[in-house]
Amino acid sequence: MALHDPEAAKNLLALLDCLEAEYRALLAQDLAQIESTLARKEQLLERLASHPDLASRQKPGGGMALAPAWTRALSRARELNRRNAIVLGPRMLANGARLRCLHSALGGLGLYGADGLAASAGHLAVAPGRSA
């Protein structure tokens, strides 16, 4: 990967490792590890996006003039991210269905009154006043 700053290459390789760790965490359903890898992935993407050497290689049409090794590494990152999204997709759909079911069971209400009871349609319960 021939860029002027080896830090960019280091960040891209770390991103590939992070995407692999994210995949393992998704398969293991390890929420702590998923959160950790997502935070790390966000950091690495921000670093890469703001790297001056990458920004200066932007072509007028929106593509990038990069060395073949960079093109391959970025393509690999895209593939790993897509794979992770495929693993995550069905879980997101299932969670959405669960949330809709819970929302429906509440009669479409998602609010609770001050007394902690589900609010009736158009009316929120007011907590009784406290005597001092």
Protein backbone atom coordinates (compact mmCIF):
# COMPACT_ATOMS: atom_id res chain seq x y z
CA MET A 1 0.00 0.00 0.00
CA ALA A 2 1.92 2.96 -1.26
CA LEU A 3 0.71 6.12 0.40
CA HIS A 4 2.98 8.77 1.82
CA ASP A 5 1.83 8.14 5.38
CA PRO A 6 2.16 4.58 6.67
CA GLU A 7 -0.39 5.50 9.36
CA ALA A 8 -3.16 5.28 6.74
CA ALA A 9 -2.08 1.77 5.76
CA LYS A 10 -1.96 0.80 9.43
CA ASN A 11 -5.51 2.14 9.93
CA LEU A 12 -6.82 0.27 6.90
CA LEU A 13 -5.29 -3.02 8.06
CA ALA A 14 -6.73 -2.38 11.54
CA LEU A 15 -10.13 -1.82 9.92
CA LEU A 16 -9.92 -5.22 8.20
CA ASP A 17 -9.07 -6.85 11.54
CA CYS A 18 -11.91 -4.95 13.20
CA LEU A 19 -14.41 -6.15 10.60
CA GLU A 20 -13.29 -9.74 11.21
CA ALA A 21 -13.70 -9.25 14.99
CA GLU A 22 -17.15 -7.75 14.40
CA TYR A 23 -18.15 -10.84 12.41
CA ARG A 24 -17.00 -13.19 15.19
CA ALA A 25 -18.86 -11.10 17.78
CA LEU A 26 -22.04 -11.13 15.67
CA LEU A 27 -21.91 -14.91 15.32
CA ALA A 28 -21.28 -15.32 19.06
CA GLN A 29 -23.99 -12.73 19.83
CA ASP A 30 -21.50 -11.08 22.19
CA LEU A 31 -23.10 -7.67 22.74
CA ALA A 32 -20.15 -6.20 24.64
CA GLN A 33 -17.76 -7.21 21.87
CA ILE A 34 -20.14 -5.95 19.18
CA GLU A 35 -20.31 -2.52 20.85
CA SER A 36 -16.55 -2.44 21.25
CA THR A 37 -15.86 -3.32 17.62
CA LEU A 38 -18.46 -0.85 16.37
CA ALA A 39 -16.80 1.95 18.33
CA ARG A 40 -13.38 0.92 17.02
CA LYS A 41 -14.68 0.65 13.45
CA GLU A 42 -16.14 4.16 13.67
CA GLN A 43 -12.81 5.54 14.88
CA LEU A 44 -10.89 3.87 12.08
CA LEU A 45 -13.34 5.01 9.42
CA GLU A 46 -13.10 8.59 10.69
CA ARG A 47 -9.32 8.44 10.56
CA LEU A 48 -9.33 7.05 7.04
CA ALA A 49 -11.95 9.53 5.82
CA SER A 50 -9.96 12.46 7.12
CA HIS A 51 -6.58 11.24 5.91
CA PRO A 52 -5.13 14.01 3.70
CA ASP A 53 -3.30 11.60 1.41
CA LEU A 54 -6.53 9.75 0.60
CA ALA A 55 -8.49 12.95 0.08
CA SER A 56 -5.86 14.27 -2.34
CA ARG A 57 -6.25 11.18 -4.52
CA GLN A 58 -9.91 11.87 -5.19
CA LYS A 59 -10.67 11.85 -8.91
CA PRO A 60 -13.09 14.36 -10.46
CA GLY A 61 -15.74 11.67 -11.09
CA GLY A 62 -15.85 10.72 -7.43
CA GLY A 63 -13.56 7.69 -7.62
CA MET A 64 -10.08 7.45 -6.21
CA ALA A 65 -6.74 7.05 -7.95
CA LEU A 66 -5.17 4.47 -5.65
CA ALA A 67 -2.47 1.86 -5.91
CA PRO A 68 -3.78 -1.65 -6.66
CA ALA A 69 -2.98 -2.85 -3.13
CA TRP A 70 -5.16 -0.09 -1.68
CA THR A 71 -7.94 -0.86 -4.12
CA ARG A 72 -7.86 -4.54 -3.12
CA ALA A 73 -7.80 -3.74 0.61
CA LEU A 74 -10.71 -1.31 0.31
CA SER A 75 -12.64 -3.86 -1.75
CA ARG A 76 -11.99 -6.47 0.95
CA ALA A 77 -13.24 -4.06 3.62
CA ARG A 78 -16.42 -3.50 1.59
CA GLU A 79 -16.94 -7.29 1.28
CA LEU A 80 -16.42 -7.87 5.01
CA ASN A 81 -18.79 -5.06 5.91
CA ARG A 82 -21.44 -6.46 3.55
CA ARG A 83 -21.01 -9.94 5.06
CA ASN A 84 -21.48 -8.50 8.55
CA ALA A 85 -24.61 -6.64 7.42
CA ILE A 86 -26.01 -9.90 6.04
CA VAL A 87 -25.47 -11.58 9.42
CA LEU A 88 -27.01 -8.62 11.24
CA GLY A 89 -29.99 -8.09 8.90
CA PRO A 90 -32.22 -10.95 10.05
CA ARG A 91 -31.61 -10.05 13.70
CA MET A 92 -32.64 -6.47 13.04
CA LEU A 93 -35.82 -7.65 11.32
CA ALA A 94 -36.62 -10.01 14.20
CA ASN A 95 -36.06 -7.29 16.78
CA GLY A 96 -38.26 -4.92 14.81
CA ALA A 97 -41.01 -7.55 14.77
CA ARG A 98 -40.67 -8.04 18.53
CA LEU A 99 -40.93 -4.30 19.12
CA ARG A 100 -44.03 -4.06 16.92
CA CYS A 101 -45.59 -6.96 18.82
CA LEU A 102 -44.89 -5.30 22.17
CA HIS A 103 -46.21 -1.98 20.90
CA SER A 104 -49.35 -3.70 19.64
CA ALA A 105 -49.83 -5.50 22.97
CA LEU A 106 -49.88 -2.09 24.64
CA GLY A 107 -52.75 -1.12 22.37
CA GLY A 108 -50.47 1.05 20.28
CA LEU A 109 -49.48 3.12 23.28
CA GLY A 110 -45.88 3.57 24.13
CA LEU A 111 -46.39 5.98 26.99
CA TYR A 112 -46.83 5.51 30.69
CA GLY A 113 -48.43 7.91 33.06
CA ALA A 114 -46.80 9.40 36.13
CA ASP A 115 -48.32 6.58 38.18
CA GLY A 116 -46.41 4.01 36.11
CA LEU A 117 -49.52 2.62 34.44
CA ALA A 118 -50.06 2.59 30.70
CA ALA A 119 -51.80 5.76 29.64
CA SER A 120 -55.26 5.50 28.13
CA ALA A 121 -55.77 6.89 24.64
CA GLY A 122 -55.37 10.65 24.69
CA HIS A 123 -54.96 10.80 28.43
CA LEU A 124 -51.86 10.66 30.61
CA ALA A 125 -52.43 9.94 34.24
CA VAL A 126 -51.21 12.57 36.64
CA ALA A 127 -49.42 11.45 39.75
CA PRO A 128 -51.24 12.28 42.96
CA GLY A 129 -49.76 15.23 44.82
CA ARG A 130 -47.61 14.65 47.85
CA SER A 131 -48.37 16.29 51.13
CA ALA A 132 -45.41 18.06 52.69
